[in-house]
Amino acid sequence: MSDKVSARLASVADIASGIVRIIGQITAWSGLVLVLLVAFNVLGRYLFNFGTVALQELEWHVLAVAALFGMSYCLNQGGEVRVDIYYGRMSARAQGAVDLFSSIALLVVSLIIAWLSIGFVEQSYSIGEGSADPGGLTHRYILKACIPAAFALLAIQALAMTCEAAARLLSPENRS
């Protein structure tokens, strides 16, 4: 019975991780977009005496999107910073319990932030928020909409990590 549950948990984890991986790989291209945008702005300003506030603001918009969606991809790829002083000395079962607890906590916090930030986006949309600078970008709610979307994606990654940790705890070698 627990082998079937473990297999289903692993299947859910694979699907969730796959979603995060695909979105993360798409988001990774924003790094190239950012480099090209900054290069264009610098070359335009210094060689052609050309520059706009909108293009400068677009730089930090692209950076924000990359950071927001990159956090779940970073976890997906194991790129997080871990302090394994105590964790490395724990038994496999204790490590699984720590992983399960921490991934559930991340799931809960991610869902709370995603939920609470929806009102932030709605308010921005309702007032038609744009840049305070003349010539800046309009429709700032589009950027702000990335906040709940990115934290929902982080929740999907946390769900994958929760399922993986639970499957490890249910595996035959950790049941003792």
C-alpha atoms as a PDB file:
ATOM      1  CA  MET A   1       0.000   0.000   0.000  1.00  0.00           C
ATOM      2  CA  SER A   2       2.677   2.517   0.968  1.00  0.00           C
ATOM      3  CA  ASP A   3       4.629   1.530  -2.162  1.00  0.00           C
ATOM      4  CA  LYS A   4       1.667   2.686  -4.278  1.00  0.00           C
ATOM      5  CA  VAL A   5       1.419   5.915  -2.287  1.00  0.00           C
ATOM      6  CA  SER A   6       5.144   6.434  -2.629  1.00  0.00           C
ATOM      7  CA  ALA A   7       4.922   5.873  -6.399  1.00  0.00           C
ATOM      8  CA  ARG A   8       2.032   8.324  -6.719  1.00  0.00           C
ATOM      9  CA  LEU A   9       3.886  10.918  -4.667  1.00  0.00           C
ATOM     10  CA  ALA A  10       6.933  10.474  -6.902  1.00  0.00           C
ATOM     11  CA  SER A  11       4.709  10.875  -9.979  1.00  0.00           C
ATOM     12  CA  VAL A  12       3.200  14.122  -8.648  1.00  0.00           C
ATOM     13  CA  ALA A  13       6.704  15.353  -7.803  1.00  0.00           C
ATOM     14  CA  ASP A  14       7.924  14.580 -11.336  1.00  0.00           C
ATOM     15  CA  ILE A  15       5.012  16.448 -12.936  1.00  0.00           C
ATOM     16  CA  ALA A  16       5.392  19.477 -10.642  1.00  0.00           C
ATOM     17  CA  SER A  17       9.166  19.555 -11.134  1.00  0.00           C
ATOM     18  CA  GLY A  18       8.691  19.322 -14.889  1.00  0.00           C
ATOM     19  CA  ILE A  19       6.405  22.357 -14.894  1.00  0.00           C
ATOM     20  CA  VAL A  20       8.909  24.379 -12.880  1.00  0.00           C
ATOM     21  CA  ARG A  21      11.792  23.212 -15.068  1.00  0.00           C
ATOM     22  CA  ILE A  22      10.056  24.274 -18.298  1.00  0.00           C
ATOM     23  CA  ILE A  23       9.102  27.702 -16.949  1.00  0.00           C
ATOM     24  CA  GLY A  24      12.585  28.112 -15.469  1.00  0.00           C
ATOM     25  CA  GLN A  25      14.269  27.325 -18.766  1.00  0.00           C
ATOM     26  CA  ILE A  26      12.067  29.876 -20.515  1.00  0.00           C
ATOM     27  CA  THR A  27      12.827  32.416 -17.785  1.00  0.00           C
ATOM     28  CA  ALA A  28      16.556  31.785 -18.145  1.00  0.00           C
ATOM     29  CA  TRP A  29      16.383  33.518 -21.517  1.00  0.00           C
ATOM     30  CA  SER A  30      15.493  36.738 -19.692  1.00  0.00           C
ATOM     31  CA  GLY A  31      19.186  36.934 -18.739  1.00  0.00           C
ATOM     32  CA  LEU A  32      20.095  37.292 -22.400  1.00  0.00           C
ATOM     33  CA  VAL A  33      17.290  39.812 -22.886  1.00  0.00           C
ATOM     34  CA  LEU A  34      18.620  41.828 -19.949  1.00  0.00           C
ATOM     35  CA  VAL A  35      22.209  41.829 -21.245  1.00  0.00           C
ATOM     36  CA  LEU A  36      21.072  42.924 -24.717  1.00  0.00           C
ATOM     37  CA  LEU A  37      18.811  45.610 -23.254  1.00  0.00           C
ATOM     38  CA  VAL A  38      21.549  47.039 -21.035  1.00  0.00           C
ATOM     39  CA  ALA A  39      24.038  46.946 -23.928  1.00  0.00           C
ATOM     40  CA  PHE A  40      21.541  48.730 -26.180  1.00  0.00           C
ATOM     41  CA  ASN A  41      20.872  51.383 -23.540  1.00  0.00           C
ATOM     42  CA  VAL A  42      24.575  51.996 -22.876  1.00  0.00           C
ATOM     43  CA  LEU A  43      25.549  52.085 -26.553  1.00  0.00           C
ATOM     44  CA  GLY A  44      22.568  54.262 -27.379  1.00  0.00           C
ATOM     45  CA  ARG A  45      23.362  56.723 -24.619  1.00  0.00           C
ATOM     46  CA  TYR A  46      27.105  57.046 -25.203  1.00  0.00           C
ATOM     47  CA  LEU A  47      27.414  56.583 -28.959  1.00  0.00           C
ATOM     48  CA  PHE A  48      24.177  58.090 -30.263  1.00  0.00           C
ATOM     49  CA  ASN A  49      23.066  60.324 -27.395  1.00  0.00           C
ATOM     50  CA  PHE A  50      19.826  58.352 -27.288  1.00  0.00           C
ATOM     51  CA  GLY A  51      18.017  56.933 -24.291  1.00  0.00           C
ATOM     52  CA  THR A  52      14.560  56.674 -22.818  1.00  0.00           C
ATOM     53  CA  VAL A  53      13.224  56.314 -19.318  1.00  0.00           C
ATOM     54  CA  ALA A  54      11.007  53.453 -20.501  1.00  0.00           C
ATOM     55  CA  LEU A  55      13.987  51.380 -21.666  1.00  0.00           C
ATOM     56  CA  GLN A  56      15.830  52.022 -18.413  1.00  0.00           C
ATOM     57  CA  GLU A  57      12.772  50.948 -16.421  1.00  0.00           C
ATOM     58  CA  LEU A  58      12.428  47.892 -18.636  1.00  0.00           C
ATOM     59  CA  GLU A  59      15.846  46.774 -17.391  1.00  0.00           C
ATOM     60  CA  TRP A  60      14.666  46.409 -13.808  1.00  0.00           C
ATOM     61  CA  HIS A  61      11.347  44.945 -14.945  1.00  0.00           C
ATOM     62  CA  VAL A  62      13.210  42.149 -16.759  1.00  0.00           C
ATOM     63  CA  LEU A  63      15.508  41.669 -13.764  1.00  0.00           C
ATOM     64  CA  ALA A  64      12.501  41.427 -11.423  1.00  0.00           C
ATOM     65  CA  VAL A  65      10.839  38.795 -13.603  1.00  0.00           C
ATOM     66  CA  ALA A  66      14.074  36.802 -13.784  1.00  0.00           C
ATOM     67  CA  ALA A  67      14.510  36.893 -10.006  1.00  0.00           C
ATOM     68  CA  LEU A  68      10.890  36.075  -9.218  1.00  0.00           C
ATOM     69  CA  PHE A  69      10.600  33.101 -11.551  1.00  0.00           C
ATOM     70  CA  GLY A  70      14.218  32.094 -11.076  1.00  0.00           C
ATOM     71  CA  MET A  71      13.793  31.298  -7.376  1.00  0.00           C
ATOM     72  CA  SER A  72      11.664  28.204  -8.006  1.00  0.00           C
ATOM     73  CA  TYR A  73      13.958  27.063 -10.822  1.00  0.00           C
ATOM     74  CA  CYS A  74      16.958  27.485  -8.515  1.00  0.00           C
ATOM     75  CA  LEU A  75      15.345  25.140  -5.982  1.00  0.00           C
ATOM     76  CA  ASN A  76      14.384  22.772  -8.784  1.00  0.00           C
ATOM     77  CA  GLN A  77      17.998  22.527  -9.901  1.00  0.00           C
ATOM     78  CA  GLY A  78      19.402  22.227  -6.360  1.00  0.00           C
ATOM     79  CA  GLY A  79      21.074  25.622  -6.505  1.00  0.00           C
ATOM     80  CA  GLU A  80      20.027  26.765  -3.041  1.00  0.00           C
ATOM     81  CA  VAL A  81      22.560  27.428  -0.332  1.00  0.00           C
ATOM     82  CA  ARG A  82      22.347  24.840   2.433  1.00  0.00           C
ATOM     83  CA  VAL A  83      24.024  24.672   5.789  1.00  0.00           C
ATOM     84  CA  ASP A  84      24.612  20.971   6.298  1.00  0.00           C
ATOM     85  CA  ILE A  85      26.553  21.022   9.557  1.00  0.00           C
ATOM     86  CA  TYR A  86      23.843  19.175  11.470  1.00  0.00           C
ATOM     87  CA  TYR A  87      21.849  17.812   8.545  1.00  0.00           C
ATOM     88  CA  GLY A  88      24.776  15.769   7.246  1.00  0.00           C
ATOM     89  CA  ARG A  89      25.107  13.999  10.606  1.00  0.00           C
ATOM     90  CA  MET A  90      21.432  12.988  10.747  1.00  0.00           C
ATOM     91  CA  SER A  91      20.035   9.609   9.812  1.00  0.00           C
ATOM     92  CA  ALA A  92      18.263   9.279   6.455  1.00  0.00           C
ATOM     93  CA  ARG A  93      14.898   9.212   8.235  1.00  0.00           C
ATOM     94  CA  ALA A  94      15.677  12.384  10.219  1.00  0.00           C
ATOM     95  CA  GLN A  95      16.866  14.113   7.032  1.00  0.00           C
ATOM     96  CA  GLY A  96      13.621  13.103   5.357  1.00  0.00           C
ATOM     97  CA  ALA A  97      11.616  14.529   8.250  1.00  0.00           C
ATOM     98  CA  VAL A  98      13.542  17.823   8.081  1.00  0.00           C
ATOM     99  CA  ASP A  99      13.041  17.948   4.300  1.00  0.00           C
ATOM    100  CA  LEU A 100       9.330  17.223   4.679  1.00  0.00           C
ATOM    101  CA  PHE A 101       8.829  19.873   7.360  1.00  0.00           C
ATOM    102  CA  SER A 102      10.817  22.544   5.510  1.00  0.00           C
ATOM    103  CA  SER A 103       9.115  21.889   2.168  1.00  0.00           C
ATOM    104  CA  ILE A 104       5.662  22.027   3.795  1.00  0.00           C
ATOM    105  CA  ALA A 105       6.628  25.313   5.445  1.00  0.00           C
ATOM    106  CA  LEU A 106       7.803  26.667   2.080  1.00  0.00           C
ATOM    107  CA  LEU A 107       4.569  25.514   0.446  1.00  0.00           C
ATOM    108  CA  VAL A 108       2.434  27.262   3.057  1.00  0.00           C
ATOM    109  CA  VAL A 109       4.444  30.501   2.990  1.00  0.00           C
ATOM    110  CA  SER A 110       4.471  30.565  -0.826  1.00  0.00           C
ATOM    111  CA  LEU A 111       0.705  30.130  -1.001  1.00  0.00           C
ATOM    112  CA  ILE A 112       0.148  32.844   1.604  1.00  0.00           C
ATOM    113  CA  ILE A 113       2.353  35.319  -0.255  1.00  0.00           C
ATOM    114  CA  ALA A 114       0.707  34.451  -3.595  1.00  0.00           C
ATOM    115  CA  TRP A 115      -2.743  34.934  -2.084  1.00  0.00           C
ATOM    116  CA  LEU A 116      -1.932  38.186  -0.286  1.00  0.00           C
ATOM    117  CA  SER A 117      -0.231  39.708  -3.324  1.00  0.00           C
ATOM    118  CA  ILE A 118      -3.322  39.335  -5.504  1.00  0.00           C
ATOM    119  CA  GLY A 119      -4.892  42.366  -3.802  1.00  0.00           C
ATOM    120  CA  PHE A 120      -1.700  44.307  -4.484  1.00  0.00           C
ATOM    121  CA  VAL A 121      -2.062  43.527  -8.209  1.00  0.00           C
ATOM    122  CA  GLU A 122      -5.790  44.316  -8.216  1.00  0.00           C
ATOM    123  CA  GLN A 123      -5.157  47.707  -6.631  1.00  0.00           C
ATOM    124  CA  SER A 124      -2.453  48.505  -9.171  1.00  0.00           C
ATOM    125  CA  TYR A 125      -4.773  47.501 -12.018  1.00  0.00           C
ATOM    126  CA  SER A 126      -7.751  49.452 -10.659  1.00  0.00           C
ATOM    127  CA  ILE A 127      -5.822  52.728 -10.490  1.00  0.00           C
ATOM    128  CA  GLY A 128      -4.066  52.148 -13.814  1.00  0.00           C
ATOM    129  CA  GLU A 129      -0.694  52.412 -12.126  1.00  0.00           C
ATOM    130  CA  GLY A 130       2.233  53.365 -14.285  1.00  0.00           C
ATOM    131  CA  SER A 131       5.608  54.906 -13.851  1.00  0.00           C
ATOM    132  CA  ALA A 132       5.860  58.106 -11.851  1.00  0.00           C
ATOM    133  CA  ASP A 133       8.553  59.279 -14.273  1.00  0.00           C
ATOM    134  CA  PRO A 134       7.584  61.076 -17.478  1.00  0.00           C
ATOM    135  CA  GLY A 135       8.185  58.741 -20.396  1.00  0.00           C
ATOM    136  CA  GLY A 136       8.214  55.687 -18.130  1.00  0.00           C
ATOM    137  CA  LEU A 137       6.402  52.417 -18.607  1.00  0.00           C
ATOM    138  CA  THR A 138       2.655  52.183 -18.219  1.00  0.00           C
ATOM    139  CA  HIS A 139       0.685  49.174 -16.975  1.00  0.00           C
ATOM    140  CA  ARG A 140       2.825  48.459 -13.926  1.00  0.00           C
ATOM    141  CA  TYR A 141       0.220  45.906 -12.797  1.00  0.00           C
ATOM    142  CA  ILE A 142       1.629  43.521 -15.414  1.00  0.00           C
ATOM    143  CA  LEU A 143       4.939  43.435 -13.556  1.00  0.00           C
ATOM    144  CA  LYS A 144       3.157  43.203 -10.206  1.00  0.00           C
ATOM    145  CA  ALA A 145       1.108  40.261 -11.513  1.00  0.00           C
ATOM    146  CA  CYS A 146       4.355  38.328 -11.696  1.00  0.00           C
ATOM    147  CA  ILE A 147       4.491  38.283  -7.882  1.00  0.00           C
ATOM    148  CA  PRO A 148       1.531  35.938  -7.252  1.00  0.00           C
ATOM    149  CA  ALA A 149       2.387  33.927 -10.368  1.00  0.00           C
ATOM    150  CA  ALA A 150       5.992  33.424  -9.263  1.00  0.00           C
ATOM    151  CA  PHE A 151       5.012  32.467  -5.725  1.00  0.00           C
ATOM    152  CA  ALA A 152       2.410  30.052  -7.106  1.00  0.00           C
ATOM    153  CA  LEU A 153       5.227  28.507  -9.148  1.00  0.00           C
ATOM    154  CA  LEU A 154       7.349  28.372  -5.994  1.00  0.00           C
ATOM    155  CA  ALA A 155       4.435  26.592  -4.285  1.00  0.00           C
ATOM    156  CA  ILE A 156       4.407  24.055  -7.126  1.00  0.00           C
ATOM    157  CA  GLN A 157       8.116  23.442  -6.559  1.00  0.00           C
ATOM    158  CA  ALA A 158       7.507  23.165  -2.812  1.00  0.00           C
ATOM    159  CA  LEU A 159       4.763  20.631  -3.529  1.00  0.00           C
ATOM    160  CA  ALA A 160       7.224  18.609  -5.609  1.00  0.00           C
ATOM    161  CA  MET A 161       9.765  18.751  -2.781  1.00  0.00           C
ATOM    162  CA  THR A 162       7.093  17.760  -0.239  1.00  0.00           C
ATOM    163  CA  CYS A 163       6.059  14.767  -2.335  1.00  0.00           C
ATOM    164  CA  GLU A 164       9.691  13.719  -2.810  1.00  0.00           C
ATOM    165  CA  ALA A 165      10.391  13.949   0.926  1.00  0.00           C
ATOM    166  CA  ALA A 166       7.217  12.044   1.810  1.00  0.00           C
ATOM    167  CA  ALA A 167       8.033   9.352  -0.775  1.00  0.00           C
ATOM    168  CA  ARG A 168      11.524   8.974   0.723  1.00  0.00           C
ATOM    169  CA  LEU A 169      10.065   8.639   4.215  1.00  0.00           C
ATOM    170  CA  LEU A 170       7.633   5.968   2.988  1.00  0.00           C
ATOM    171  CA  SER A 171      10.290   4.015   1.108  1.00  0.00           C
ATOM    172  CA  PRO A 172      11.151   0.580   2.544  1.00  0.00           C
ATOM    173  CA  GLU A 173      14.710   1.531   3.561  1.00  0.00           C
ATOM    174  CA  ASN A 174      13.440   4.387   5.767  1.00  0.00           C
ATOM    175  CA  ARG A 175      10.532   2.651   7.507  1.00  0.00           C
ATOM    176  CA  SER A 176      12.404   1.234  10.465  1.00  0.00           C
END
